[in-house]
Amino acid sequence: MRFYLNAFGESVADCSQAAERAAEAGMKRVEMVANGSCLAKPLMELGRWREAGESLEAGLAIARDLGAQRYIPMYLCFLAKVRFATGDRKAALEMAREAVSESRSDGMVYTGPMVLGALAAVAGENAARDSLDEGIRLLEKRGPFHNPIWFLHDAMSAMLRFGDWDAVDGFAERLTEECSAEPVPWADFHIARCRALAEVGRGSRDVGLAAGLQALKDEADARGQGPAAANLAEALESTK
């Protein structure tokens, strides 16, 4: 919950402690969840990619040992995004495809849209669009909330990569709707960030847009969100 409240440092501390205590107590399933499901996310947000990868690999190894099938695609898809962020695009694509395959073997109920969003985030444009189309169809069936929130986050990222600004706005609007009953600060930040980046992509040089980008960058800097801050700094430079 601290992660979704943008308290990333506190989230890392909580999850690290949980993983350590679970390991000491021999509680393998708790150790798995603490590492793979929880700790990796704030580490990724902070740009601590090596640690995030290690956490996910630890969670994935336990999931495989325990036969915890529904967690395997989840950890693989986040590992794919770590590999993509650190420049290993071949490994990223292989892991994302494996995540989708593993999720299909489990009926795509628990992680289907999530893994399809991750695939879109690391794949080429045609494959990404196909993946997003399937994910949108699966979202209509509903399911755990981690599916829409992560699918739509990754969909925005993918469409930013391909310069489809209208699609970015469309996915941002849908994520806003998904969180309308109970707003999620983490989602709110990324919705605002992606909308602003889409405006920059359209060529806007509005003074208000520059001020908004600066405010978002200041937020990211204050929380240690290195990847988002760098992304916003680049956009700011292009508005000058």
C-alpha atoms as a PDB file:
ATOM      1  CA  MET A   1       0.000   0.000   0.000  1.00  0.00           C
ATOM      2  CA  ARG A   2       2.878   2.387   0.625  1.00  0.00           C
ATOM      3  CA  PHE A   3       3.961   1.816  -2.985  1.00  0.00           C
ATOM      4  CA  TYR A   4       0.584   2.898  -4.361  1.00  0.00           C
ATOM      5  CA  LEU A   5       0.713   5.933  -2.043  1.00  0.00           C
ATOM      6  CA  ASN A   6       4.047   6.957  -3.638  1.00  0.00           C
ATOM      7  CA  ALA A   7       5.963   6.228  -0.439  1.00  0.00           C
ATOM      8  CA  PHE A   8       8.647   4.259  -2.232  1.00  0.00           C
ATOM      9  CA  GLY A   9      11.454   4.406   0.331  1.00  0.00           C
ATOM     10  CA  GLU A  10       9.123   3.283   3.102  1.00  0.00           C
ATOM     11  CA  SER A  11       7.762   0.559   0.836  1.00  0.00           C
ATOM     12  CA  VAL A  12      11.267  -0.793   0.195  1.00  0.00           C
ATOM     13  CA  ALA A  13      11.949  -0.851   3.929  1.00  0.00           C
ATOM     14  CA  ASP A  14       8.681  -2.650   4.728  1.00  0.00           C
ATOM     15  CA  CYS A  15       9.071  -5.259   2.009  1.00  0.00           C
ATOM     16  CA  SER A  16      12.747  -5.883   2.716  1.00  0.00           C
ATOM     17  CA  GLN A  17      11.956  -6.500   6.373  1.00  0.00           C
ATOM     18  CA  ALA A  18       9.086  -8.812   5.468  1.00  0.00           C
ATOM     19  CA  ALA A  19      11.295 -10.815   3.097  1.00  0.00           C
ATOM     20  CA  GLU A  20      14.069 -11.119   5.686  1.00  0.00           C
ATOM     21  CA  ARG A  21      11.742 -12.204   8.494  1.00  0.00           C
ATOM     22  CA  ALA A  22       9.962 -14.699   6.258  1.00  0.00           C
ATOM     23  CA  ALA A  23      13.300 -16.206   5.214  1.00  0.00           C
ATOM     24  CA  GLU A  24      14.377 -16.498   8.846  1.00  0.00           C
ATOM     25  CA  ALA A  25      11.096 -18.206   9.744  1.00  0.00           C
ATOM     26  CA  GLY A  26      11.186 -20.541   6.743  1.00  0.00           C
ATOM     27  CA  MET A  27       7.897 -19.121   5.422  1.00  0.00           C
ATOM     28  CA  LYS A  28       8.673 -19.590   1.733  1.00  0.00           C
ATOM     29  CA  ARG A  29       5.362 -18.360   0.316  1.00  0.00           C
ATOM     30  CA  VAL A  30       5.528 -15.147   2.339  1.00  0.00           C
ATOM     31  CA  GLU A  31       9.156 -14.693   1.273  1.00  0.00           C
ATOM     32  CA  MET A  32       8.088 -15.189  -2.349  1.00  0.00           C
ATOM     33  CA  VAL A  33       5.336 -12.564  -2.161  1.00  0.00           C
ATOM     34  CA  ALA A  34       7.508 -10.081  -0.267  1.00  0.00           C
ATOM     35  CA  ASN A  35      10.259 -10.306  -2.879  1.00  0.00           C
ATOM     36  CA  GLY A  36       8.433 -10.746  -6.173  1.00  0.00           C
ATOM     37  CA  SER A  37       5.009  -9.249  -5.650  1.00  0.00           C
ATOM     38  CA  CYS A  38       5.991  -6.354  -3.416  1.00  0.00           C
ATOM     39  CA  LEU A  39       9.645  -5.330  -3.084  1.00  0.00           C
ATOM     40  CA  ALA A  40      10.454  -5.243  -6.782  1.00  0.00           C
ATOM     41  CA  LYS A  41       7.844  -2.601  -7.615  1.00  0.00           C
ATOM     42  CA  PRO A  42       9.212   0.295  -5.517  1.00  0.00           C
ATOM     43  CA  LEU A  43      12.769  -0.657  -6.477  1.00  0.00           C
ATOM     44  CA  MET A  44      11.793  -0.326 -10.146  1.00  0.00           C
ATOM     45  CA  GLU A  45      10.104   3.009  -9.506  1.00  0.00           C
ATOM     46  CA  LEU A  46      13.320   4.233  -7.887  1.00  0.00           C
ATOM     47  CA  GLY A  47      15.404   2.981 -10.800  1.00  0.00           C
ATOM     48  CA  ARG A  48      17.249   0.452  -8.652  1.00  0.00           C
ATOM     49  CA  TRP A  49      17.179  -2.063 -11.464  1.00  0.00           C
ATOM     50  CA  ARG A  50      19.814  -4.525 -10.256  1.00  0.00           C
ATOM     51  CA  GLU A  51      18.129  -4.921  -6.882  1.00  0.00           C
ATOM     52  CA  ALA A  52      14.707  -5.185  -8.509  1.00  0.00           C
ATOM     53  CA  GLY A  53      15.970  -7.939 -10.784  1.00  0.00           C
ATOM     54  CA  GLU A  54      17.474  -9.840  -7.874  1.00  0.00           C
ATOM     55  CA  SER A  55      14.241  -9.541  -5.898  1.00  0.00           C
ATOM     56  CA  LEU A  56      12.165 -10.815  -8.809  1.00  0.00           C
ATOM     57  CA  GLU A  57      14.546 -13.681  -9.493  1.00  0.00           C
ATOM     58  CA  ALA A  58      14.327 -14.704  -5.832  1.00  0.00           C
ATOM     59  CA  GLY A  59      10.525 -14.612  -5.932  1.00  0.00           C
ATOM     60  CA  LEU A  60      10.423 -16.484  -9.225  1.00  0.00           C
ATOM     61  CA  ALA A  61      12.709 -19.264  -7.949  1.00  0.00           C
ATOM     62  CA  ILE A  62      10.478 -19.832  -4.927  1.00  0.00           C
ATOM     63  CA  ALA A  63       7.323 -19.725  -7.050  1.00  0.00           C
ATOM     64  CA  ARG A  64       8.729 -22.445  -9.286  1.00  0.00           C
ATOM     65  CA  ASP A  65       9.842 -24.525  -6.312  1.00  0.00           C
ATOM     66  CA  LEU A  66       6.400 -24.248  -4.713  1.00  0.00           C
ATOM     67  CA  GLY A  67       4.508 -24.732  -7.958  1.00  0.00           C
ATOM     68  CA  ALA A  68       2.795 -21.372  -7.375  1.00  0.00           C
ATOM     69  CA  GLN A  69       1.755 -21.144 -11.005  1.00  0.00           C
ATOM     70  CA  ARG A  70      -0.234 -17.928 -10.959  1.00  0.00           C
ATOM     71  CA  TYR A  71       2.739 -15.944  -9.626  1.00  0.00           C
ATOM     72  CA  ILE A  72       5.240 -17.121 -12.251  1.00  0.00           C
ATOM     73  CA  PRO A  73       3.912 -14.968 -15.132  1.00  0.00           C
ATOM     74  CA  MET A  74       3.683 -11.950 -12.838  1.00  0.00           C
ATOM     75  CA  TYR A  75       7.336 -12.145 -11.852  1.00  0.00           C
ATOM     76  CA  LEU A  76       8.425 -12.868 -15.412  1.00  0.00           C
ATOM     77  CA  CYS A  77       6.617  -9.839 -16.804  1.00  0.00           C
ATOM     78  CA  PHE A  78       8.222  -7.488 -14.282  1.00  0.00           C
ATOM     79  CA  LEU A  79      11.609  -9.056 -14.977  1.00  0.00           C
ATOM     80  CA  ALA A  80      10.992  -8.350 -18.664  1.00  0.00           C
ATOM     81  CA  LYS A  81      10.503  -4.673 -17.871  1.00  0.00           C
ATOM     82  CA  VAL A  82      13.684  -4.620 -15.777  1.00  0.00           C
ATOM     83  CA  ARG A  83      15.644  -6.146 -18.661  1.00  0.00           C
ATOM     84  CA  PHE A  84      14.126  -3.627 -21.087  1.00  0.00           C
ATOM     85  CA  ALA A  85      15.026  -0.708 -18.841  1.00  0.00           C
ATOM     86  CA  THR A  86      18.632  -1.891 -18.595  1.00  0.00           C
ATOM     87  CA  GLY A  87      19.020  -2.303 -22.337  1.00  0.00           C
ATOM     88  CA  ASP A  88      18.652  -6.057 -22.840  1.00  0.00           C
ATOM     89  CA  ARG A  89      15.711  -5.908 -25.209  1.00  0.00           C
ATOM     90  CA  LYS A  90      16.119  -9.453 -26.516  1.00  0.00           C
ATOM     91  CA  ALA A  91      15.876 -10.934 -23.016  1.00  0.00           C
ATOM     92  CA  ALA A  92      13.002  -8.573 -22.220  1.00  0.00           C
ATOM     93  CA  LEU A  93      10.965  -9.786 -25.173  1.00  0.00           C
ATOM     94  CA  GLU A  94      11.707 -13.442 -24.437  1.00  0.00           C
ATOM     95  CA  MET A  95      10.648 -13.061 -20.797  1.00  0.00           C
ATOM     96  CA  ALA A  96       7.495 -11.157 -21.688  1.00  0.00           C
ATOM     97  CA  ARG A  97       6.495 -13.822 -24.191  1.00  0.00           C
ATOM     98  CA  GLU A  98       7.194 -16.528 -21.614  1.00  0.00           C
ATOM     99  CA  ALA A  99       5.037 -14.620 -19.124  1.00  0.00           C
ATOM    100  CA  VAL A 100       2.135 -14.589 -21.577  1.00  0.00           C
ATOM    101  CA  SER A 101       2.603 -18.297 -22.292  1.00  0.00           C
ATOM    102  CA  GLU A 102       2.646 -19.128 -18.577  1.00  0.00           C
ATOM    103  CA  SER A 103      -0.453 -17.034 -18.012  1.00  0.00           C
ATOM    104  CA  ARG A 104      -2.289 -18.792 -20.830  1.00  0.00           C
ATOM    105  CA  SER A 105      -1.607 -22.119 -19.137  1.00  0.00           C
ATOM    106  CA  ASP A 106      -3.439 -20.735 -16.113  1.00  0.00           C
ATOM    107  CA  GLY A 107      -6.390 -19.378 -18.107  1.00  0.00           C
ATOM    108  CA  MET A 108      -5.248 -15.699 -18.241  1.00  0.00           C
ATOM    109  CA  VAL A 109      -7.514 -14.959 -15.270  1.00  0.00           C
ATOM    110  CA  TYR A 110      -5.060 -13.877 -12.588  1.00  0.00           C
ATOM    111  CA  THR A 111      -2.441 -12.094 -14.707  1.00  0.00           C
ATOM    112  CA  GLY A 112      -3.645 -12.008 -18.340  1.00  0.00           C
ATOM    113  CA  PRO A 113      -3.996  -8.259 -18.949  1.00  0.00           C
ATOM    114  CA  MET A 114      -0.976  -7.521 -16.750  1.00  0.00           C
ATOM    115  CA  VAL A 115       1.370  -9.719 -18.804  1.00  0.00           C
ATOM    116  CA  LEU A 116      -0.077  -8.505 -22.103  1.00  0.00           C
ATOM    117  CA  GLY A 117       0.601  -4.928 -21.021  1.00  0.00           C
ATOM    118  CA  ALA A 118       4.172  -5.848 -20.141  1.00  0.00           C
ATOM    119  CA  LEU A 119       4.618  -7.480 -23.545  1.00  0.00           C
ATOM    120  CA  ALA A 120       3.366  -4.297 -25.205  1.00  0.00           C
ATOM    121  CA  ALA A 121       5.850  -2.279 -23.155  1.00  0.00           C
ATOM    122  CA  VAL A 122       8.836  -4.197 -24.559  1.00  0.00           C
ATOM    123  CA  ALA A 123       7.707  -5.421 -28.012  1.00  0.00           C
ATOM    124  CA  GLY A 124       7.759  -3.886 -31.460  1.00  0.00           C
ATOM    125  CA  GLU A 125       4.805  -1.794 -32.537  1.00  0.00           C
ATOM    126  CA  ASN A 126       2.714  -4.395 -34.361  1.00  0.00           C
ATOM    127  CA  ALA A 127       3.121  -7.005 -31.618  1.00  0.00           C
ATOM    128  CA  ALA A 128       2.482  -4.364 -28.973  1.00  0.00           C
ATOM    129  CA  ARG A 129      -0.787  -3.274 -30.556  1.00  0.00           C
ATOM    130  CA  ASP A 130      -1.957  -6.879 -30.924  1.00  0.00           C
ATOM    131  CA  SER A 131      -1.113  -7.487 -27.271  1.00  0.00           C
ATOM    132  CA  LEU A 132      -3.025  -4.386 -26.164  1.00  0.00           C
ATOM    133  CA  ASP A 133      -6.061  -5.348 -28.224  1.00  0.00           C
ATOM    134  CA  GLU A 134      -6.194  -8.724 -26.497  1.00  0.00           C
ATOM    135  CA  GLY A 135      -5.644  -7.155 -23.100  1.00  0.00           C
ATOM    136  CA  ILE A 136      -8.535  -4.740 -23.589  1.00  0.00           C
ATOM    137  CA  ARG A 137     -10.830  -7.639 -24.420  1.00  0.00           C
ATOM    138  CA  LEU A 138      -9.719  -9.506 -21.304  1.00  0.00           C
ATOM    139  CA  LEU A 139     -10.307  -6.469 -19.098  1.00  0.00           C
ATOM    140  CA  GLU A 140     -13.999  -6.656 -19.925  1.00  0.00           C
ATOM    141  CA  LYS A 141     -14.141  -9.924 -17.980  1.00  0.00           C
ATOM    142  CA  ARG A 142     -12.884  -8.123 -14.882  1.00  0.00           C
ATOM    143  CA  GLY A 143     -10.621  -9.813 -12.363  1.00  0.00           C
ATOM    144  CA  PRO A 144      -7.999  -8.725  -9.806  1.00  0.00           C
ATOM    145  CA  PHE A 145      -7.370  -4.977  -9.760  1.00  0.00           C
ATOM    146  CA  HIS A 146      -3.670  -5.414 -10.461  1.00  0.00           C
ATOM    147  CA  ASN A 147      -4.674  -6.242 -14.041  1.00  0.00           C
ATOM    148  CA  PRO A 148      -6.256  -2.957 -15.155  1.00  0.00           C
ATOM    149  CA  ILE A 149      -3.906  -0.722 -13.198  1.00  0.00           C
ATOM    150  CA  TRP A 150      -0.728  -2.334 -14.557  1.00  0.00           C
ATOM    151  CA  PHE A 151      -2.074  -3.048 -18.027  1.00  0.00           C
ATOM    152  CA  LEU A 152      -3.128   0.557 -18.530  1.00  0.00           C
ATOM    153  CA  HIS A 153       0.111   1.915 -17.056  1.00  0.00           C
ATOM    154  CA  ASP A 154       2.127  -0.167 -19.515  1.00  0.00           C
ATOM    155  CA  ALA A 155      -0.252   0.655 -22.365  1.00  0.00           C
ATOM    156  CA  MET A 156       0.411   4.360 -21.836  1.00  0.00           C
ATOM    157  CA  SER A 157       4.159   3.695 -21.827  1.00  0.00           C
ATOM    158  CA  ALA A 158       3.969   1.638 -25.004  1.00  0.00           C
ATOM    159  CA  MET A 159       1.988   4.254 -26.889  1.00  0.00           C
ATOM    160  CA  LEU A 160       4.374   6.987 -25.777  1.00  0.00           C
ATOM    161  CA  ARG A 161       7.177   4.919 -27.264  1.00  0.00           C
ATOM    162  CA  PHE A 162       5.354   4.729 -30.589  1.00  0.00           C
ATOM    163  CA  GLY A 163       4.211   8.340 -30.613  1.00  0.00           C
ATOM    164  CA  ASP A 164       0.489   7.572 -30.611  1.00  0.00           C
ATOM    165  CA  TRP A 165      -0.538  10.536 -28.480  1.00  0.00           C
ATOM    166  CA  ASP A 166      -4.288   9.999 -28.801  1.00  0.00           C
ATOM    167  CA  ALA A 167      -3.919   6.406 -27.623  1.00  0.00           C
ATOM    168  CA  VAL A 168      -1.907   7.635 -24.628  1.00  0.00           C
ATOM    169  CA  ASP A 169      -4.768   9.947 -23.704  1.00  0.00           C
ATOM    170  CA  GLY A 170      -7.301   7.177 -24.220  1.00  0.00           C
ATOM    171  CA  PHE A 171      -5.511   4.777 -21.909  1.00  0.00           C
ATOM    172  CA  ALA A 172      -4.964   7.577 -19.386  1.00  0.00           C
ATOM    173  CA  GLU A 173      -8.693   8.296 -19.373  1.00  0.00           C
ATOM    174  CA  ARG A 174      -9.498   4.636 -18.872  1.00  0.00           C
ATOM    175  CA  LEU A 175      -7.057   4.351 -15.971  1.00  0.00           C
ATOM    176  CA  THR A 176      -8.638   7.456 -14.425  1.00  0.00           C
ATOM    177  CA  GLU A 177     -12.033   5.757 -14.668  1.00  0.00           C
ATOM    178  CA  GLU A 178     -10.704   2.509 -13.173  1.00  0.00           C
ATOM    179  CA  CYS A 179      -9.407   4.423 -10.144  1.00  0.00           C
ATOM    180  CA  SER A 180     -12.381   6.786  -9.807  1.00  0.00           C
ATOM    181  CA  ALA A 181     -14.001   4.989  -6.887  1.00  0.00           C
ATOM    182  CA  GLU A 182     -10.776   4.965  -4.899  1.00  0.00           C
ATOM    183  CA  PRO A 183      -8.025   7.178  -6.353  1.00  0.00           C
ATOM    184  CA  VAL A 184      -4.498   5.742  -6.388  1.00  0.00           C
ATOM    185  CA  PRO A 185      -1.743   8.376  -6.047  1.00  0.00           C
ATOM    186  CA  TRP A 186       0.771   6.257  -7.997  1.00  0.00           C
ATOM    187  CA  ALA A 187      -1.664   5.989 -10.914  1.00  0.00           C
ATOM    188  CA  ASP A 188      -2.558   9.690 -10.675  1.00  0.00           C
ATOM    189  CA  PHE A 189       1.104  10.659 -11.029  1.00  0.00           C
ATOM    190  CA  HIS A 190       1.693   8.486 -14.070  1.00  0.00           C
ATOM    191  CA  ILE A 191      -1.555   9.584 -15.706  1.00  0.00           C
ATOM    192  CA  ALA A 192      -0.479  13.212 -15.360  1.00  0.00           C
ATOM    193  CA  ARG A 193       3.056  12.397 -16.519  1.00  0.00           C
ATOM    194  CA  CYS A 194       1.933  10.510 -19.617  1.00  0.00           C
ATOM    195  CA  ARG A 195      -0.650  13.110 -20.578  1.00  0.00           C
ATOM    196  CA  ALA A 196       1.980  15.848 -20.311  1.00  0.00           C
ATOM    197  CA  LEU A 197       4.486  13.846 -22.358  1.00  0.00           C
ATOM    198  CA  ALA A 198       1.839  13.286 -25.018  1.00  0.00           C
ATOM    199  CA  GLU A 199       1.307  17.042 -25.236  1.00  0.00           C
ATOM    200  CA  VAL A 200       5.039  17.554 -25.674  1.00  0.00           C
ATOM    201  CA  GLY A 201       4.967  14.893 -28.365  1.00  0.00           C
ATOM    202  CA  ARG A 202       2.251  16.811 -30.199  1.00  0.00           C
ATOM    203  CA  GLY A 203       4.580  19.783 -30.327  1.00  0.00           C
ATOM    204  CA  SER A 204       3.002  21.944 -27.638  1.00  0.00           C
ATOM    205  CA  ARG A 205       5.305  24.577 -26.144  1.00  0.00           C
ATOM    206  CA  ASP A 206       2.711  26.109 -23.852  1.00  0.00           C
ATOM    207  CA  VAL A 207       4.061  27.861 -20.761  1.00  0.00           C
ATOM    208  CA  GLY A 208       1.508  26.057 -18.624  1.00  0.00           C
ATOM    209  CA  LEU A 209       2.684  22.706 -19.962  1.00  0.00           C
ATOM    210  CA  ALA A 210       6.290  23.515 -19.066  1.00  0.00           C
ATOM    211  CA  ALA A 211       5.200  24.487 -15.563  1.00  0.00           C
ATOM    212  CA  GLY A 212       3.271  21.250 -15.231  1.00  0.00           C
ATOM    213  CA  LEU A 213       6.256  19.201 -16.373  1.00  0.00           C
ATOM    214  CA  GLN A 214       8.462  20.988 -13.858  1.00  0.00           C
ATOM    215  CA  ALA A 215       6.007  20.325 -11.039  1.00  0.00           C
ATOM    216  CA  LEU A 216       5.867  16.631 -11.949  1.00  0.00           C
ATOM    217  CA  LYS A 217       9.652  16.457 -12.133  1.00  0.00           C
ATOM    218  CA  ASP A 218       9.928  18.103  -8.725  1.00  0.00           C
ATOM    219  CA  GLU A 219       7.564  15.458  -7.334  1.00  0.00           C
ATOM    220  CA  ALA A 220       9.591  12.673  -8.887  1.00  0.00           C
ATOM    221  CA  ASP A 221      12.870  14.126  -7.619  1.00  0.00           C
ATOM    222  CA  ALA A 222      11.505  14.472  -4.103  1.00  0.00           C
ATOM    223  CA  ARG A 223      10.458  10.813  -4.043  1.00  0.00           C
ATOM    224  CA  GLY A 224      13.581   9.500  -5.736  1.00  0.00           C
ATOM    225  CA  GLN A 225      11.769   8.378  -8.895  1.00  0.00           C
ATOM    226  CA  GLY A 226      14.867   8.515 -11.041  1.00  0.00           C
ATOM    227  CA  PRO A 227      13.427   7.058 -14.276  1.00  0.00           C
ATOM    228  CA  ALA A 228      10.368   9.325 -14.244  1.00  0.00           C
ATOM    229  CA  ALA A 229      12.442  12.381 -13.323  1.00  0.00           C
ATOM    230  CA  ALA A 230      14.857  11.750 -16.205  1.00  0.00           C
ATOM    231  CA  ASN A 231      11.947  11.255 -18.578  1.00  0.00           C
ATOM    232  CA  LEU A 232      10.380  14.540 -17.519  1.00  0.00           C
ATOM    233  CA  ALA A 233      13.689  16.415 -17.632  1.00  0.00           C
ATOM    234  CA  GLU A 234      14.158  15.369 -21.260  1.00  0.00           C
ATOM    235  CA  ALA A 235      10.663  16.563 -22.083  1.00  0.00           C
ATOM    236  CA  LEU A 236      11.316  19.885 -20.368  1.00  0.00           C
ATOM    237  CA  GLU A 237      14.418  20.448 -22.461  1.00  0.00           C
ATOM    238  CA  SER A 238      12.403  19.962 -25.628  1.00  0.00           C
ATOM    239  CA  THR A 239       9.948  22.704 -24.611  1.00  0.00           C
ATOM    240  CA  LYS A 240      12.685  25.368 -24.419  1.00  0.00           C
END
